[in-house]
PDB file of N, CA and C in Angstrom:
ATOM      1  N   MET A   1     250.132 134.252  37.577  1.00  0.00           N
ATOM      2  CA  MET A   1     250.759 133.948  38.845  1.00  0.00           C
ATOM      3  C   MET A   1     250.449 132.542  39.308  1.00  0.00           C
ATOM      4  N   GLY A   2     249.779 131.771  38.513  1.00  0.00           N
ATOM      5  CA  GLY A   2     249.549 130.384  38.885  1.00  0.00           C
ATOM      6  C   GLY A   2     248.656 130.241  40.093  1.00  0.00           C
ATOM      7  N   ALA A   3     248.994 129.304  40.952  1.00  0.00           N
ATOM      8  CA  ALA A   3     248.121 128.903  42.057  1.00  0.00           C
ATOM      9  C   ALA A   3     247.858 130.010  43.066  1.00  0.00           C
ATOM     10  N   SER A   4     248.822 130.865  43.342  1.00  0.00           N
ATOM     11  CA  SER A   4     248.626 131.874  44.388  1.00  0.00           C
ATOM     12  C   SER A   4     247.519 132.868  44.041  1.00  0.00           C
ATOM     13  N   TYR A   5     247.172 133.023  42.780  1.00  0.00           N
ATOM     14  CA  TYR A   5     246.109 133.938  42.364  1.00  0.00           C
ATOM     15  C   TYR A   5     244.862 133.211  41.879  1.00  0.00           C
ATOM     16  N   LEU A   6     244.844 131.888  41.910  1.00  0.00           N
ATOM     17  CA  LEU A   6     243.741 131.133  41.321  1.00  0.00           C
ATOM     18  C   LEU A   6     242.387 131.548  41.895  1.00  0.00           C
ATOM     19  N   ALA A   7     242.239 131.550  43.205  1.00  0.00           N
ATOM     20  CA  ALA A   7     240.947 131.877  43.819  1.00  0.00           C
ATOM     21  C   ALA A   7     240.498 133.295  43.457  1.00  0.00           C
ATOM     22  N   ARG A   8     241.398 134.260  43.555  1.00  0.00           N
ATOM     23  CA  ARG A   8     240.990 135.642  43.260  1.00  0.00           C
ATOM     24  C   ARG A   8     240.739 135.850  41.769  1.00  0.00           C
ATOM     25  N   ASN A   9     241.452 135.101  40.902  1.00  0.00           N
ATOM     26  CA  ASN A   9     241.188 135.214  39.468  1.00  0.00           C
ATOM     27  C   ASN A   9     239.828 134.634  39.110  1.00  0.00           C
ATOM     28  N   VAL A  10     239.457 133.511  39.717  1.00  0.00           N
ATOM     29  CA  VAL A  10     238.124 132.941  39.476  1.00  0.00           C
ATOM     30  C   VAL A  10     237.059 133.890  40.018  1.00  0.00           C
ATOM     31  N   ALA A  11     237.292 134.476  41.186  1.00  0.00           N
ATOM     32  CA  ALA A  11     236.327 135.422  41.757  1.00  0.00           C
ATOM     33  C   ALA A  11     236.150 136.644  40.850  1.00  0.00           C
ATOM     34  N   ALA A  12     237.204 137.043  40.160  1.00  0.00           N
ATOM     35  CA  ALA A  12     237.148 138.230  39.299  1.00  0.00           C
ATOM     36  C   ALA A  12     236.543 137.948  37.923  1.00  0.00           C
ATOM     37  N   LEU A  13     236.359 136.674  37.590  1.00  0.00           N
ATOM     38  CA  LEU A  13     235.815 136.340  36.266  1.00  0.00           C
ATOM     39  C   LEU A  13     234.423 136.930  36.077  1.00  0.00           C
ATOM     40  N   ALA A  14     234.177 137.408  34.883  1.00  0.00           N
ATOM     41  CA  ALA A  14     232.827 137.814  34.508  1.00  0.00           C
ATOM     42  C   ALA A  14     232.028 136.552  34.190  1.00  0.00           C
ATOM     43  N   VAL A  15     230.719 136.691  34.135  1.00  0.00           N
ATOM     44  CA  VAL A  15     229.887 135.572  33.700  1.00  0.00           C
ATOM     45  C   VAL A  15     230.344 135.173  32.301  1.00  0.00           C
ATOM     46  N   GLU A  16     230.541 133.891  32.104  1.00  0.00           N
ATOM     47  CA  GLU A  16     231.064 133.310  30.871  1.00  0.00           C
ATOM     48  C   GLU A  16     232.489 133.780  30.573  1.00  0.00           C
ATOM     49  N   GLY A  17     233.207 134.130  31.638  1.00  0.00           N
ATOM     50  CA  GLY A  17     234.589 134.569  31.488  1.00  0.00           C
ATOM     51  C   GLY A  17     235.545 133.402  31.305  1.00  0.00           C
ATOM     52  N   ARG A  18     236.729 133.726  30.830  1.00  0.00           N
ATOM     53  CA  ARG A  18     237.783 132.734  30.621  1.00  0.00           C
ATOM     54  C   ARG A  18     239.031 133.141  31.377  1.00  0.00           C
ATOM     55  N   LEU A  19     239.569 132.204  32.140  1.00  0.00           N
ATOM     56  CA  LEU A  19     240.832 132.400  32.828  1.00  0.00           C
ATOM     57  C   LEU A  19     241.873 131.581  32.092  1.00  0.00           C
ATOM     58  N   VAL A  20     242.908 132.238  31.604  1.00  0.00           N
ATOM     59  CA  VAL A  20     243.972 131.551  30.875  1.00  0.00           C
ATOM     60  C   VAL A  20     245.210 131.550  31.757  1.00  0.00           C
ATOM     61  N   VAL A  21     245.691 130.374  32.107  1.00  0.00           N
ATOM     62  CA  VAL A  21     246.882 130.211  32.929  1.00  0.00           C
ATOM     63  C   VAL A  21     248.052 129.951  31.987  1.00  0.00           C
ATOM     64  N   ILE A  22     249.067 130.831  32.052  1.00  0.00           N
ATOM     65  CA  ILE A  22     250.215 130.672  31.156  1.00  0.00           C
ATOM     66  C   ILE A  22     251.525 130.490  31.917  1.00  0.00           C
ATOM     67  N   GLY A  23     251.468 130.536  33.244  1.00  0.00           N
ATOM     68  CA  GLY A  23     252.697 130.377  34.010  1.00  0.00           C
ATOM     69  C   GLY A  23     252.404 129.940  35.425  1.00  0.00           C
ATOM     70  N   LEU A  24     253.441 129.494  36.101  1.00  0.00           N
ATOM     71  CA  LEU A  24     253.281 128.962  37.452  1.00  0.00           C
ATOM     72  C   LEU A  24     254.169 129.675  38.460  1.00  0.00           C
ATOM     73  N   GLN A  25     254.469 130.937  38.217  1.00  0.00           N
ATOM     74  CA  GLN A  25     255.345 131.675  39.114  1.00  0.00           C
ATOM     75  C   GLN A  25     254.834 131.629  40.553  1.00  0.00           C
ATOM     76  N   GLY A  26     253.514 131.627  40.735  1.00  0.00           N
ATOM     77  CA  GLY A  26     252.931 131.595  42.078  1.00  0.00           C
ATOM     78  C   GLY A  26     252.642 130.192  42.578  1.00  0.00           C
ATOM     79  N   GLY A  27     253.201 129.191  41.943  1.00  0.00           N
ATOM     80  CA  GLY A  27     253.009 127.812  42.404  1.00  0.00           C
ATOM     81  C   GLY A  27     252.119 127.017  41.471  1.00  0.00           C
ATOM     82  N   GLY A  28     252.209 125.705  41.572  1.00  0.00           N
ATOM     83  CA  GLY A  28     251.488 124.815  40.674  1.00  0.00           C
ATOM     84  C   GLY A  28     250.265 124.148  41.281  1.00  0.00           C
ATOM     85  N   ARG A  29     250.019 124.359  42.573  1.00  0.00           N
ATOM     86  CA  ARG A  29     248.855 123.737  43.212  1.00  0.00           C
ATOM     87  C   ARG A  29     248.002 124.816  43.859  1.00  0.00           C
ATOM     88  N   GLY A  30     246.707 124.763  43.559  1.00  0.00           N
ATOM     89  CA  GLY A  30     245.791 125.719  44.143  1.00  0.00           C
ATOM     90  C   GLY A  30     244.435 125.080  44.361  1.00  0.00           C
ATOM     91  N   GLU A  31     243.602 125.766  45.126  1.00  0.00           N
ATOM     92  CA  GLU A  31     242.254 125.280  45.381  1.00  0.00           C
ATOM     93  C   GLU A  31     241.282 126.027  44.476  1.00  0.00           C
ATOM     94  N   LEU A  32     240.442 125.267  43.795  1.00  0.00           N
ATOM     95  CA  LEU A  32     239.496 125.833  42.842  1.00  0.00           C
ATOM     96  C   LEU A  32     238.079 125.678  43.372  1.00  0.00           C
ATOM     97  N   ASN A  33     237.346 126.781  43.503  1.00  0.00           N
ATOM     98  CA  ASN A  33     235.962 126.752  43.941  1.00  0.00           C
ATOM     99  C   ASN A  33     235.099 126.429  42.722  1.00  0.00           C
ATOM    100  N   LEU A  34     234.765 125.158  42.558  1.00  0.00           N
ATOM    101  CA  LEU A  34     233.987 124.743  41.396  1.00  0.00           C
ATOM    102  C   LEU A  34     232.595 125.340  41.388  1.00  0.00           C
ATOM    103  N   GLY A  35     232.020 125.578  42.574  1.00  0.00           N
ATOM    104  CA  GLY A  35     230.695 126.205  42.647  1.00  0.00           C
ATOM    105  C   GLY A  35     230.700 127.593  42.042  1.00  0.00           C
ATOM    106  N   MET A  36     231.732 128.374  42.352  1.00  0.00           N
ATOM    107  CA  MET A  36     231.839 129.723  41.791  1.00  0.00           C
ATOM    108  C   MET A  36     232.066 129.657  40.288  1.00  0.00           C
ATOM    109  N   LEU A  37     232.916 128.722  39.866  1.00  0.00           N
ATOM    110  CA  LEU A  37     233.188 128.572  38.444  1.00  0.00           C
ATOM    111  C   LEU A  37     231.918 128.179  37.686  1.00  0.00           C
ATOM    112  N   LEU A  38     231.141 127.254  38.251  1.00  0.00           N
ATOM    113  CA  LEU A  38     229.881 126.845  37.628  1.00  0.00           C
ATOM    114  C   LEU A  38     228.876 127.988  37.593  1.00  0.00           C
ATOM    115  N   ALA A  39     228.766 128.719  38.691  1.00  0.00           N
ATOM    116  CA  ALA A  39     227.813 129.831  38.746  1.00  0.00           C
ATOM    117  C   ALA A  39     228.114 130.882  37.686  1.00  0.00           C
ATOM    118  N   LYS A  40     229.385 131.058  37.386  1.00  0.00           N
ATOM    119  CA  LYS A  40     229.789 132.042  36.383  1.00  0.00           C
ATOM    120  C   LYS A  40     229.877 131.447  34.983  1.00  0.00           C
ATOM    121  N   ARG A  41     229.651 130.143  34.895  1.00  0.00           N
ATOM    122  CA  ARG A  41     229.823 129.443  33.618  1.00  0.00           C
ATOM    123  C   ARG A  41     231.200 129.764  33.048  1.00  0.00           C
ATOM    124  N   GLY A  42     232.184 129.778  33.948  1.00  0.00           N
ATOM    125  CA  GLY A  42     233.541 130.147  33.583  1.00  0.00           C
ATOM    126  C   GLY A  42     234.338 128.981  33.031  1.00  0.00           C
ATOM    127  N   VAL A  43     235.443 129.335  32.412  1.00  0.00           N
ATOM    128  CA  VAL A  43     236.350 128.353  31.817  1.00  0.00           C
ATOM    129  C   VAL A  43     237.761 128.649  32.310  1.00  0.00           C
ATOM    130  N   VAL A  44     238.475 127.605  32.703  1.00  0.00           N
ATOM    131  CA  VAL A  44     239.892 127.729  33.028  1.00  0.00           C
ATOM    132  C   VAL A  44     240.655 126.976  31.949  1.00  0.00           C
ATOM    133  N   HIS A  45     241.572 127.667  31.315  1.00  0.00           N
ATOM    134  CA  HIS A  45     242.332 127.079  30.210  1.00  0.00           C
ATOM    135  C   HIS A  45     243.815 127.274  30.519  1.00  0.00           C
ATOM    136  N   ALA A  46     244.589 126.206  30.414  1.00  0.00           N
ATOM    137  CA  ALA A  46     246.022 126.295  30.667  1.00  0.00           C
ATOM    138  C   ALA A  46     246.780 126.045  29.368  1.00  0.00           C
ATOM    139  N   VAL A  47     247.770 126.890  29.112  1.00  0.00           N
ATOM    140  CA  VAL A  47     248.561 126.760  27.892  1.00  0.00           C
ATOM    141  C   VAL A  47     250.041 126.903  28.220  1.00  0.00           C
ATOM    142  N   SER A  48     250.857 126.319  27.383  1.00  0.00           N
ATOM    143  CA  SER A  48     252.300 126.421  27.535  1.00  0.00           C
ATOM    144  C   SER A  48     252.960 126.228  26.181  1.00  0.00           C
ATOM    145  N   LEU A  49     253.998 126.965  25.933  1.00  0.00           N
ATOM    146  CA  LEU A  49     254.790 126.770  24.714  1.00  0.00           C
ATOM    147  C   LEU A  49     255.886 125.733  24.929  1.00  0.00           C
ATOM    148  N   ARG A  50     256.287 125.567  26.177  1.00  0.00           N
ATOM    149  CA  ARG A  50     257.476 124.786  26.508  1.00  0.00           C
ATOM    150  C   ARG A  50     257.525 123.411  25.853  1.00  0.00           C
ATOM    151  N   GLY A  51     256.480 122.616  25.932  1.00  0.00           N
ATOM    152  CA  GLY A  51     256.526 121.244  25.431  1.00  0.00           C
ATOM    153  C   GLY A  51     256.106 121.073  23.980  1.00  0.00           C
ATOM    154  N   ARG A  52     255.852 122.164  23.295  1.00  0.00           N
ATOM    155  CA  ARG A  52     255.385 122.066  21.914  1.00  0.00           C
ATOM    156  C   ARG A  52     256.541 121.871  20.941  1.00  0.00           C
ATOM    157  N   PRO A  53     256.266 121.242  19.801  1.00  0.00           N
ATOM    158  CA  PRO A  53     257.304 121.106  18.767  1.00  0.00           C
ATOM    159  C   PRO A  53     257.709 122.489  18.232  1.00  0.00           C
ATOM    160  N   GLU A  54     258.934 122.612  17.762  1.00  0.00           N
ATOM    161  CA  GLU A  54     259.463 123.883  17.261  1.00  0.00           C
ATOM    162  C   GLU A  54     258.579 124.485  16.167  1.00  0.00           C
ATOM    163  N   ALA A  55     258.066 123.660  15.261  1.00  0.00           N
ATOM    164  CA  ALA A  55     257.226 124.169  14.167  1.00  0.00           C
ATOM    165  C   ALA A  55     255.944 124.800  14.708  1.00  0.00           C
ATOM    166  N   GLN A  56     255.386 124.203  15.743  1.00  0.00           N
ATOM    167  CA  GLN A  56     254.163 124.754  16.338  1.00  0.00           C
ATOM    168  C   GLN A  56     254.466 126.073  17.054  1.00  0.00           C
ATOM    169  N   LYS A  57     255.593 126.140  17.755  1.00  0.00           N
ATOM    170  CA  LYS A  57     256.004 127.392  18.402  1.00  0.00           C
ATOM    171  C   LYS A  57     256.184 128.491  17.360  1.00  0.00           C
ATOM    172  N   ALA A  58     256.828 128.161  16.248  1.00  0.00           N
ATOM    173  CA  ALA A  58     257.061 129.144  15.187  1.00  0.00           C
ATOM    174  C   ALA A  58     255.746 129.641  14.605  1.00  0.00           C
ATOM    175  N   ALA A  59     254.778 128.755  14.442  1.00  0.00           N
ATOM    176  CA  ALA A  59     253.471 129.155  13.907  1.00  0.00           C
ATOM    177  C   ALA A  59     252.748 130.086  14.876  1.00  0.00           C
ATOM    178  N   ILE A  60     252.854 129.824  16.161  1.00  0.00           N
ATOM    179  CA  ILE A  60     252.222 130.689  17.161  1.00  0.00           C
ATOM    180  C   ILE A  60     252.863 132.071  17.149  1.00  0.00           C
ATOM    181  N   VAL A  61     254.181 132.119  17.108  1.00  0.00           N
ATOM    182  CA  VAL A  61     254.892 133.402  17.055  1.00  0.00           C
ATOM    183  C   VAL A  61     254.498 134.177  15.798  1.00  0.00           C
ATOM    184  N   ALA A  62     254.408 133.500  14.673  1.00  0.00           N
ATOM    185  CA  ALA A  62     254.021 134.167  13.420  1.00  0.00           C
ATOM    186  C   ALA A  62     252.602 134.725  13.515  1.00  0.00           C
ATOM    187  N   ALA A  63     251.694 133.976  14.128  1.00  0.00           N
ATOM    188  CA  ALA A  63     250.306 134.446  14.267  1.00  0.00           C
ATOM    189  C   ALA A  63     250.227 135.658  15.189  1.00  0.00           C
ATOM    190  N   VAL A  64     250.995 135.648  16.267  1.00  0.00           N
ATOM    191  CA  VAL A  64     251.029 136.805  17.167  1.00  0.00           C
ATOM    192  C   VAL A  64     251.578 138.017  16.429  1.00  0.00           C
ATOM    193  N   ARG A  65     252.650 137.806  15.680  1.00  0.00           N
ATOM    194  CA  ARG A  65     253.254 138.906  14.922  1.00  0.00           C
ATOM    195  C   ARG A  65     252.251 139.487  13.923  1.00  0.00           C
ATOM    196  N   GLU A  66     251.492 138.637  13.272  1.00  0.00           N
ATOM    197  CA  GLU A  66     250.551 139.081  12.241  1.00  0.00           C
ATOM    198  C   GLU A  66     249.279 139.686  12.825  1.00  0.00           C
ATOM    199  N   ARG A  67     248.702 139.058  13.846  1.00  0.00           N
ATOM    200  CA  ARG A  67     247.369 139.449  14.331  1.00  0.00           C
ATOM    201  C   ARG A  67     247.381 140.386  15.534  1.00  0.00           C
ATOM    202  N   LEU A  68     248.387 140.281  16.383  1.00  0.00           N
ATOM    203  CA  LEU A  68     248.382 141.037  17.629  1.00  0.00           C
ATOM    204  C   LEU A  68     249.361 142.204  17.616  1.00  0.00           C
ATOM    205  N   TRP A  69     250.539 141.985  17.083  1.00  0.00           N
ATOM    206  CA  TRP A  69     251.583 142.998  17.175  1.00  0.00           C
ATOM    207  C   TRP A  69     251.217 144.334  16.541  1.00  0.00           C
ATOM    208  N   PRO A  70     250.475 144.379  15.433  1.00  0.00           N
ATOM    209  CA  PRO A  70     250.079 145.695  14.899  1.00  0.00           C
ATOM    210  C   PRO A  70     249.279 146.533  15.904  1.00  0.00           C
ATOM    211  N   ALA A  71     248.438 145.897  16.701  1.00  0.00           N
ATOM    212  CA  ALA A  71     247.674 146.626  17.723  1.00  0.00           C
ATOM    213  C   ALA A  71     248.583 147.130  18.831  1.00  0.00           C
ATOM    214  N   VAL A  72     249.611 146.364  19.173  1.00  0.00           N
ATOM    215  CA  VAL A  72     250.585 146.807  20.175  1.00  0.00           C
ATOM    216  C   VAL A  72     251.347 148.015  19.635  1.00  0.00           C
ATOM    217  N   GLU A  73     251.812 147.928  18.399  1.00  0.00           N
ATOM    218  CA  GLU A  73     252.559 149.038  17.793  1.00  0.00           C
ATOM    219  C   GLU A  73     251.698 150.293  17.660  1.00  0.00           C
ATOM    220  N   ALA A  74     250.401 150.127  17.433  1.00  0.00           N
ATOM    221  CA  ALA A  74     249.501 151.269  17.288  1.00  0.00           C
ATOM    222  C   ALA A  74     249.091 151.862  18.639  1.00  0.00           C
ATOM    223  N   GLY A  75     249.474 151.200  19.737  1.00  0.00           N
ATOM    224  CA  GLY A  75     249.112 151.699  21.063  1.00  0.00           C
ATOM    225  C   GLY A  75     247.721 151.293  21.503  1.00  0.00           C
ATOM    226  N   ALA A  76     247.041 150.431  20.734  1.00  0.00           N
ATOM    227  CA  ALA A  76     245.700 149.985  21.099  1.00  0.00           C
ATOM    228  C   ALA A  76     245.748 148.956  22.232  1.00  0.00           C
ATOM    229  N   ILE A  77     246.859 148.286  22.383  1.00  0.00           N
ATOM    230  CA  ILE A  77     247.071 147.324  23.466  1.00  0.00           C
ATOM    231  C   ILE A  77     248.320 147.769  24.211  1.00  0.00           C
ATOM    232  N   MET A  78     248.160 148.025  25.502  1.00  0.00           N
ATOM    233  CA  MET A  78     249.285 148.491  26.302  1.00  0.00           C
ATOM    234  C   MET A  78     249.280 147.766  27.637  1.00  0.00           C
ATOM    235  N   PRO A  79     250.452 147.512  28.193  1.00  0.00           N
ATOM    236  CA  PRO A  79     250.487 146.881  29.517  1.00  0.00           C
ATOM    237  C   PRO A  79     250.048 147.864  30.594  1.00  0.00           C
ATOM    238  N   VAL A  80     249.520 147.342  31.670  1.00  0.00           N
ATOM    239  CA  VAL A  80     249.196 148.162  32.839  1.00  0.00           C
ATOM    240  C   VAL A  80     250.456 148.222  33.689  1.00  0.00           C
ATOM    241  N   VAL A  81     250.947 149.426  33.925  1.00  0.00           N
ATOM    242  CA  VAL A  81     252.155 149.611  34.727  1.00  0.00           C
ATOM    243  C   VAL A  81     251.729 150.106  36.101  1.00  0.00           C
ATOM    244  N   ASP A  82     252.022 149.308  37.121  1.00  0.00           N
ATOM    245  CA  ASP A  82     251.683 149.684  38.492  1.00  0.00           C
ATOM    246  C   ASP A  82     252.668 150.713  39.028  1.00  0.00           C
ATOM    247  N   ARG A  83     253.951 150.428  38.837  1.00  0.00           N
ATOM    248  CA  ARG A  83     254.966 151.293  39.419  1.00  0.00           C
ATOM    249  C   ARG A  83     256.300 151.061  38.724  1.00  0.00           C
ATOM    250  N   VAL A  84     257.106 152.111  38.676  1.00  0.00           N
ATOM    251  CA  VAL A  84     258.448 152.017  38.115  1.00  0.00           C
ATOM    252  C   VAL A  84     259.438 152.394  39.205  1.00  0.00           C
ATOM    253  N   PHE A  85     260.444 151.531  39.388  1.00  0.00           N
ATOM    254  CA  PHE A  85     261.509 151.788  40.348  1.00  0.00           C
ATOM    255  C   PHE A  85     262.808 152.007  39.589  1.00  0.00           C
ATOM    256  N   PRO A  86     263.643 152.933  40.055  1.00  0.00           N
ATOM    257  CA  PRO A  86     264.980 153.031  39.465  1.00  0.00           C
ATOM    258  C   PRO A  86     265.730 151.732  39.759  1.00  0.00           C
ATOM    259  N   ILE A  87     266.595 151.330  38.869  1.00  0.00           N
ATOM    260  CA  ILE A  87     267.320 150.063  39.005  1.00  0.00           C
ATOM    261  C   ILE A  87     268.053 149.973  40.347  1.00  0.00           C
ATOM    262  N   GLU A  88     268.462 151.111  40.885  1.00  0.00           N
ATOM    263  CA  GLU A  88     269.174 151.112  42.172  1.00  0.00           C
ATOM    264  C   GLU A  88     268.271 150.659  43.317  1.00  0.00           C
ATOM    265  N   ARG A  89     266.949 150.685  43.099  1.00  0.00           N
ATOM    266  CA  ARG A  89     266.003 150.305  44.159  1.00  0.00           C
ATOM    267  C   ARG A  89     265.373 148.938  43.869  1.00  0.00           C
ATOM    268  N   VAL A  90     266.150 148.036  43.310  1.00  0.00           N
ATOM    269  CA  VAL A  90     265.645 146.713  42.951  1.00  0.00           C
ATOM    270  C   VAL A  90     265.081 145.980  44.171  1.00  0.00           C
ATOM    271  N   ALA A  91     265.708 146.133  45.335  1.00  0.00           N
ATOM    272  CA  ALA A  91     265.208 145.461  46.547  1.00  0.00           C
ATOM    273  C   ALA A  91     263.825 145.987  46.918  1.00  0.00           C
ATOM    274  N   ASP A  92     263.618 147.305  46.777  1.00  0.00           N
ATOM    275  CA  ASP A  92     262.287 147.878  47.049  1.00  0.00           C
ATOM    276  C   ASP A  92     261.249 147.333  46.070  1.00  0.00           C
ATOM    277  N   ALA A  93     261.647 147.189  44.819  1.00  0.00           N
ATOM    278  CA  ALA A  93     260.731 146.642  43.806  1.00  0.00           C
ATOM    279  C   ALA A  93     260.337 145.216  44.164  1.00  0.00           C
ATOM    280  N   HIS A  94     261.302 144.411  44.591  1.00  0.00           N
ATOM    281  CA  HIS A  94     260.996 143.034  44.992  1.00  0.00           C
ATOM    282  C   HIS A  94     260.049 143.011  46.182  1.00  0.00           C
ATOM    283  N   ARG A  95     260.274 143.866  47.166  1.00  0.00           N
ATOM    284  CA  ARG A  95     259.376 143.913  48.326  1.00  0.00           C
ATOM    285  C   ARG A  95     257.969 144.311  47.903  1.00  0.00           C
ATOM    286  N   HIS A  96     257.870 145.248  46.973  1.00  0.00           N
ATOM    287  CA  HIS A  96     256.568 145.694  46.476  1.00  0.00           C
ATOM    288  C   HIS A  96     255.815 144.532  45.809  1.00  0.00           C
ATOM    289  N   VAL A  97     256.509 143.760  44.993  1.00  0.00           N
ATOM    290  CA  VAL A  97     255.894 142.613  44.318  1.00  0.00           C
ATOM    291  C   VAL A  97     255.518 141.535  45.339  1.00  0.00           C
ATOM    292  N   GLU A  98     256.408 141.247  46.266  1.00  0.00           N
ATOM    293  CA  GLU A  98     256.151 140.210  47.266  1.00  0.00           C
ATOM    294  C   GLU A  98     254.969 140.554  48.163  1.00  0.00           C
ATOM    295  N   ALA A  99     254.695 141.847  48.359  1.00  0.00           N
ATOM    296  CA  ALA A  99     253.564 142.275  49.192  1.00  0.00           C
ATOM    297  C   ALA A  99     252.227 142.041  48.497  1.00  0.00           C
ATOM    298  N   LEU A 100     252.254 141.727  47.204  1.00  0.00           N
ATOM    299  CA  LEU A 100     251.059 141.419  46.395  1.00  0.00           C
ATOM    300  C   LEU A 100     250.040 142.555  46.384  1.00  0.00           C
ATOM    301  N   GLY A 101     250.518 143.784  46.540  1.00  0.00           N
ATOM    302  CA  GLY A 101     249.607 144.916  46.520  1.00  0.00           C
ATOM    303  C   GLY A 101     249.534 145.607  45.177  1.00  0.00           C
ATOM    304  N   HIS A 102     250.173 145.068  44.173  1.00  0.00           N
ATOM    305  CA  HIS A 102     250.237 145.749  42.886  1.00  0.00           C
ATOM    306  C   HIS A 102     249.210 145.175  41.901  1.00  0.00           C
ATOM    307  N   VAL A 103     248.856 146.012  40.959  1.00  0.00           N
ATOM    308  CA  VAL A 103     248.016 145.593  39.836  1.00  0.00           C
ATOM    309  C   VAL A 103     248.756 146.027  38.587  1.00  0.00           C
ATOM    310  N   GLY A 104     249.203 145.080  37.808  1.00  0.00           N
ATOM    311  CA  GLY A 104     249.969 145.386  36.613  1.00  0.00           C
ATOM    312  C   GLY A 104     251.445 145.103  36.813  1.00  0.00           C
ATOM    313  N   LYS A 105     252.237 145.617  35.912  1.00  0.00           N
ATOM    314  CA  LYS A 105     253.671 145.345  35.888  1.00  0.00           C
ATOM    315  C   LYS A 105     254.429 146.279  36.823  1.00  0.00           C
ATOM    316  N   VAL A 106     255.469 145.748  37.421  1.00  0.00           N
ATOM    317  CA  VAL A 106     256.396 146.544  38.206  1.00  0.00           C
ATOM    318  C   VAL A 106     257.696 146.549  37.412  1.00  0.00           C
ATOM    319  N   LEU A 107     258.131 147.741  37.025  1.00  0.00           N
ATOM    320  CA  LEU A 107     259.289 147.876  36.139  1.00  0.00           C
ATOM    321  C   LEU A 107     260.505 148.398  36.878  1.00  0.00           C
ATOM    322  N   LEU A 108     261.664 147.987  36.393  1.00  0.00           N
ATOM    323  CA  LEU A 108     262.936 148.553  36.833  1.00  0.00           C
ATOM    324  C   LEU A 108     263.457 149.413  35.693  1.00  0.00           C
ATOM    325  N   ALA A 109     263.792 150.662  35.997  1.00  0.00           N
ATOM    326  CA  ALA A 109     264.223 151.592  34.952  1.00  0.00           C
ATOM    327  C   ALA A 109     265.705 151.888  35.066  1.00  0.00           C
ATOM    328  N   LEU A 110     266.383 151.829  33.945  1.00  0.00           N
ATOM    329  CA  LEU A 110     267.785 152.239  33.867  1.00  0.00           C
ATOM    330  C   LEU A 110     267.847 153.753  33.733  1.00  0.00           C
ATOM    331  N   PRO A 111     268.896 154.384  34.250  1.00  0.00           N
ATOM    332  CA  PRO A 111     269.028 155.838  34.086  1.00  0.00           C
ATOM    333  C   PRO A 111     268.990 156.208  32.604  1.00  0.00           C
ATOM    334  N   GLY A 112     268.210 157.225  32.292  1.00  0.00           N
ATOM    335  CA  GLY A 112     268.124 157.697  30.915  1.00  0.00           C
ATOM    336  C   GLY A 112     267.146 156.928  30.046  1.00  0.00           C
ATOM    337  N   SER A 113     266.502 155.888  30.594  1.00  0.00           N
ATOM    338  CA  SER A 113     265.533 155.135  29.792  1.00  0.00           C
ATOM    339  C   SER A 113     264.217 155.899  29.725  1.00  0.00           C
ATOM    340  N   GLU A 114     263.335 155.474  28.838  1.00  0.00           N
ATOM    341  CA  GLU A 114     262.049 156.158  28.698  1.00  0.00           C
ATOM    342  C   GLU A 114     261.219 156.085  29.967  1.00  0.00           C
ATOM    343  N   TYR A 115     261.530 155.140  30.859  1.00  0.00           N
ATOM    344  CA  TYR A 115     260.764 154.987  32.103  1.00  0.00           C
ATOM    345  C   TYR A 115     261.455 155.633  33.297  1.00  0.00           C
ATOM    346  N   SER A 116     262.627 156.221  33.128  1.00  0.00           N
ATOM    347  CA  SER A 116     263.374 156.735  34.268  1.00  0.00           C
ATOM    348  C   SER A 116     262.645 157.874  34.978  1.00  0.00           C
ATOM    349  N   GLU A 117     261.794 158.595  34.285  1.00  0.00           N
ATOM    350  CA  GLU A 117     261.042 159.701  34.907  1.00  0.00           C
ATOM    351  C   GLU A 117     259.620 159.289  35.253  1.00  0.00           C
ATOM    352  N   TYR A 118     259.226 158.070  34.964  1.00  0.00           N
ATOM    353  CA  TYR A 118     257.867 157.591  35.213  1.00  0.00           C
ATOM    354  C   TYR A 118     257.737 157.152  36.664  1.00  0.00           C
ATOM    355  N   HIS A 119     256.665 157.520  37.313  1.00  0.00           N
ATOM    356  CA  HIS A 119     256.474 157.082  38.706  1.00  0.00           C
ATOM    357  C   HIS A 119     255.147 156.390  38.820  1.00  0.00           C
TER     358      HIS A 119
END
């Protein structure tokens, strides 16, 4: 979530934890408590695929496919789903996300999809 979650993400870091920033949906400017980061011996690392050469992007995708995707397929790595809304309630889903009270993904389900009965 970028800047809007920076302070709470640093506060949530474990000692010697790493915060990886991969997007700026919550803004690009935030305040960083360096004292807290130092006390935790934490690391903030920012990454982006956008400006990389095509060959480097392809290598990253191949590495994810080889090293990470088997664990996803085996169910060892799963997303945290906070809530599922039927597609007809898209406005409610947006309000839920904007309220910042969720932990995990907020999904929109199409009728008959595997998530249509999930609450």
